[in-house]
Amino acid sequence: MRDGEPLVVIRPVSTAAAKQERRRSEHEARQREILNSCADELGAQVLEGLEYQTEMSIRDLRRMKKKSRKQQ
């Protein structure tokens, strides 16, 4: 209580409102599951791309070193 007034009032929820809230909650959970799945897939693709770029960069650096040694 604050200043003699209750901070929270607890009331029963109607069955229809409870069903609607449950459906909304389930829908949000499905959306999160789909988004997480997509994010996982995209993350894996991004990591593969980064690995490929890193491998290419290392190969390019090695080639550049070889060329510079040959030119010297």
N, C-alpha and C. Protein backbone atom coordinates (compact mmCIF):
# COMPACT_ATOMS: atom_id res chain seq x y z
N MET A 1 0.84 -1.17 0.00
CA MET A 1 0.00 0.00 0.00
C MET A 1 0.89 1.23 0.00
N ARG A 2 0.43 2.22 -0.71
CA ARG A 2 1.13 3.49 -0.74
C ARG A 2 0.09 4.58 -0.49
N ASP A 3 0.34 5.36 0.50
CA ASP A 3 -0.58 6.44 0.88
C ASP A 3 -1.99 5.92 1.10
N GLY A 4 -2.07 4.71 1.66
CA GLY A 4 -3.38 4.13 1.96
C GLY A 4 -4.09 3.52 0.76
N GLU A 5 -3.46 3.56 -0.41
CA GLU A 5 -4.06 3.01 -1.63
C GLU A 5 -3.32 1.73 -2.03
N PRO A 6 -4.03 0.71 -2.48
CA PRO A 6 -3.36 -0.52 -2.91
C PRO A 6 -2.55 -0.27 -4.19
N LEU A 7 -1.41 -0.91 -4.28
CA LEU A 7 -0.58 -0.79 -5.48
C LEU A 7 -1.05 -1.71 -6.59
N VAL A 8 -1.63 -2.83 -6.20
CA VAL A 8 -2.08 -3.83 -7.16
C VAL A 8 -3.47 -4.28 -6.78
N VAL A 9 -4.29 -4.47 -7.80
CA VAL A 9 -5.62 -5.01 -7.58
C VAL A 9 -5.70 -6.32 -8.36
N ILE A 10 -6.04 -7.39 -7.69
CA ILE A 10 -6.13 -8.70 -8.32
C ILE A 10 -7.59 -9.01 -8.57
N ARG A 11 -7.87 -9.28 -9.85
CA ARG A 11 -9.24 -9.61 -10.23
C ARG A 11 -9.22 -10.87 -11.08
N PRO A 12 -10.29 -11.64 -11.06
CA PRO A 12 -10.34 -12.82 -11.92
C PRO A 12 -10.39 -12.38 -13.39
N VAL A 13 -9.77 -13.19 -14.23
CA VAL A 13 -9.75 -12.92 -15.66
C VAL A 13 -10.84 -13.76 -16.32
N SER A 14 -11.53 -13.16 -17.26
CA SER A 14 -12.58 -13.91 -17.96
C SER A 14 -11.94 -15.03 -18.79
N THR A 15 -12.70 -16.07 -19.01
CA THR A 15 -12.21 -17.21 -19.78
C THR A 15 -11.82 -16.79 -21.19
N ALA A 16 -12.62 -15.94 -21.82
CA ALA A 16 -12.33 -15.48 -23.17
C ALA A 16 -11.02 -14.69 -23.21
N ALA A 17 -10.82 -13.83 -22.24
CA ALA A 17 -9.60 -13.04 -22.19
C ALA A 17 -8.39 -13.93 -21.94
N ALA A 18 -8.56 -14.94 -21.11
CA ALA A 18 -7.46 -15.86 -20.83
C ALA A 18 -7.10 -16.66 -22.08
N LYS A 19 -8.11 -17.12 -22.83
CA LYS A 19 -7.85 -17.85 -24.07
C LYS A 19 -7.15 -16.96 -25.09
N GLN A 20 -7.62 -15.73 -25.20
CA GLN A 20 -7.02 -14.79 -26.14
C GLN A 20 -5.55 -14.53 -25.77
N GLU A 21 -5.28 -14.34 -24.51
CA GLU A 21 -3.90 -14.10 -24.06
C GLU A 21 -3.03 -15.33 -24.32
N ARG A 22 -3.57 -16.52 -24.08
CA ARG A 22 -2.83 -17.74 -24.34
C ARG A 22 -2.51 -17.90 -25.82
N ARG A 23 -3.49 -17.60 -26.69
CA ARG A 23 -3.26 -17.67 -28.15
C ARG A 23 -2.19 -16.66 -28.57
N ARG A 24 -2.27 -15.45 -28.03
CA ARG A 24 -1.28 -14.43 -28.36
C ARG A 24 0.10 -14.86 -27.91
N SER A 25 0.18 -15.41 -26.72
CA SER A 25 1.45 -15.88 -26.18
C SER A 25 2.03 -17.02 -27.02
N GLU A 26 1.19 -17.96 -27.42
CA GLU A 26 1.62 -19.08 -28.26
C GLU A 26 2.08 -18.59 -29.63
N HIS A 27 1.35 -17.62 -30.18
CA HIS A 27 1.72 -17.04 -31.47
C HIS A 27 3.10 -16.36 -31.38
N GLU A 28 3.31 -15.60 -30.34
CA GLU A 28 4.60 -14.93 -30.15
C GLU A 28 5.73 -15.96 -29.98
N ALA A 29 5.44 -17.05 -29.28
CA ALA A 29 6.45 -18.09 -29.09
C ALA A 29 6.81 -18.73 -30.43
N ARG A 30 5.80 -18.98 -31.28
CA ARG A 30 6.07 -19.54 -32.62
C ARG A 30 6.90 -18.57 -33.45
N GLN A 31 6.57 -17.28 -33.38
CA GLN A 31 7.32 -16.28 -34.13
C GLN A 31 8.78 -16.24 -33.66
N ARG A 32 8.99 -16.29 -32.35
CA ARG A 32 10.36 -16.29 -31.83
C ARG A 32 11.12 -17.52 -32.30
N GLU A 33 10.45 -18.66 -32.31
CA GLU A 33 11.08 -19.90 -32.76
C GLU A 33 11.50 -19.80 -34.22
N ILE A 34 10.62 -19.25 -35.06
CA ILE A 34 10.92 -19.09 -36.48
C ILE A 34 12.08 -18.10 -36.65
N LEU A 35 12.02 -16.98 -35.96
CA LEU A 35 13.09 -15.99 -36.07
C LEU A 35 14.42 -16.54 -35.59
N ASN A 36 14.40 -17.29 -34.49
CA ASN A 36 15.65 -17.89 -34.00
C ASN A 36 16.22 -18.89 -34.99
N SER A 37 15.33 -19.65 -35.61
CA SER A 37 15.78 -20.62 -36.61
C SER A 37 16.42 -19.90 -37.80
N CYS A 38 15.78 -18.84 -38.26
CA CYS A 38 16.33 -18.06 -39.38
C CYS A 38 17.65 -17.42 -38.97
N ALA A 39 17.71 -16.88 -37.77
CA ALA A 39 18.94 -16.24 -37.30
C ALA A 39 20.06 -17.26 -37.21
N ASP A 40 19.75 -18.47 -36.74
CA ASP A 40 20.77 -19.52 -36.67
C ASP A 40 21.31 -19.85 -38.05
N GLU A 41 20.39 -19.98 -39.03
CA GLU A 41 20.79 -20.31 -40.39
C GLU A 41 21.62 -19.18 -41.00
N LEU A 42 21.15 -17.95 -40.81
CA LEU A 42 21.90 -16.81 -41.35
C LEU A 42 23.26 -16.69 -40.67
N GLY A 43 23.27 -16.91 -39.37
CA GLY A 43 24.54 -16.86 -38.64
C GLY A 43 25.52 -17.88 -39.17
N ALA A 44 25.05 -19.08 -39.45
CA ALA A 44 25.92 -20.13 -39.99
C ALA A 44 26.44 -19.72 -41.36
N GLN A 45 25.57 -19.14 -42.18
CA GLN A 45 26.00 -18.70 -43.51
C GLN A 45 27.02 -17.57 -43.42
N VAL A 46 26.80 -16.64 -42.50
CA VAL A 46 27.74 -15.54 -42.32
C VAL A 46 29.08 -16.08 -41.86
N LEU A 47 29.07 -17.01 -40.91
CA LEU A 47 30.33 -17.58 -40.43
C LEU A 47 31.06 -18.31 -41.55
N GLU A 48 30.32 -19.05 -42.37
CA GLU A 48 30.95 -19.73 -43.49
C GLU A 48 31.58 -18.72 -44.44
N GLY A 49 30.86 -17.63 -44.68
CA GLY A 49 31.38 -16.58 -45.55
C GLY A 49 32.63 -15.95 -44.98
N LEU A 50 32.63 -15.70 -43.68
CA LEU A 50 33.81 -15.12 -43.03
C LEU A 50 34.99 -16.07 -43.09
N GLU A 51 34.73 -17.35 -42.87
CA GLU A 51 35.80 -18.35 -42.95
C GLU A 51 36.38 -18.37 -44.36
N TYR A 52 35.51 -18.32 -45.37
CA TYR A 52 35.97 -18.34 -46.75
C TYR A 52 36.81 -17.09 -47.03
N GLN A 53 36.34 -15.94 -46.59
CA GLN A 53 37.08 -14.70 -46.81
C GLN A 53 38.43 -14.73 -46.11
N THR A 54 38.45 -15.27 -44.91
CA THR A 54 39.70 -15.36 -44.16
C THR A 54 40.68 -16.28 -44.87
N GLU A 55 40.18 -17.41 -45.34
CA GLU A 55 41.04 -18.34 -46.09
C GLU A 55 41.58 -17.67 -47.33
N MET A 56 40.72 -16.94 -48.05
CA MET A 56 41.17 -16.24 -49.26
C MET A 56 42.22 -15.20 -48.91
N SER A 57 42.00 -14.46 -47.84
CA SER A 57 42.95 -13.43 -47.43
C SER A 57 44.29 -14.03 -47.08
N ILE A 58 44.31 -15.13 -46.37
CA ILE A 58 45.56 -15.79 -46.00
C ILE A 58 46.28 -16.28 -47.24
N ARG A 59 45.53 -16.87 -48.18
CA ARG A 59 46.15 -17.33 -49.44
C ARG A 59 46.72 -16.15 -50.21
N ASP A 60 45.95 -15.06 -50.27
CA ASP A 60 46.42 -13.87 -50.99
C ASP A 60 47.69 -13.31 -50.36
N LEU A 61 47.73 -13.28 -49.03
CA LEU A 61 48.92 -12.78 -48.34
C LEU A 61 50.13 -13.67 -48.62
N ARG A 62 49.91 -14.97 -48.63
CA ARG A 62 51.02 -15.88 -48.92
C ARG A 62 51.53 -15.68 -50.35
N ARG A 63 50.61 -15.51 -51.29
CA ARG A 63 51.01 -15.26 -52.68
C ARG A 63 51.80 -13.96 -52.79
N MET A 64 51.31 -12.93 -52.09
CA MET A 64 52.01 -11.65 -52.14
C MET A 64 53.43 -11.77 -51.58
N LYS A 65 53.57 -12.51 -50.49
CA LYS A 65 54.89 -12.72 -49.90
C LYS A 65 55.81 -13.45 -50.88
N LYS A 66 55.27 -14.49 -51.53
CA LYS A 66 56.07 -15.24 -52.50
C LYS A 66 56.51 -14.35 -53.65
N LYS A 67 55.58 -13.52 -54.15
CA LYS A 67 55.92 -12.63 -55.25
C LYS A 67 57.00 -11.63 -54.83
N SER A 68 56.85 -11.09 -53.64
CA SER A 68 57.83 -10.09 -53.20
C SER A 68 59.21 -10.72 -53.00
N ARG A 69 59.25 -11.98 -52.55
CA ARG A 69 60.53 -12.66 -52.39
C ARG A 69 61.18 -12.92 -53.75
N LYS A 70 60.36 -13.28 -54.72
CA LYS A 70 60.88 -13.56 -56.06
C LYS A 70 61.42 -12.28 -56.69
N GLN A 71 60.76 -11.16 -56.44
CA GLN A 71 61.18 -9.90 -57.02
C GLN A 71 62.46 -9.37 -56.39
N GLN A 72 62.73 -9.78 -55.17
CA GLN A 72 63.94 -9.30 -54.49
C GLN A 72 65.08 -10.05 -54.98
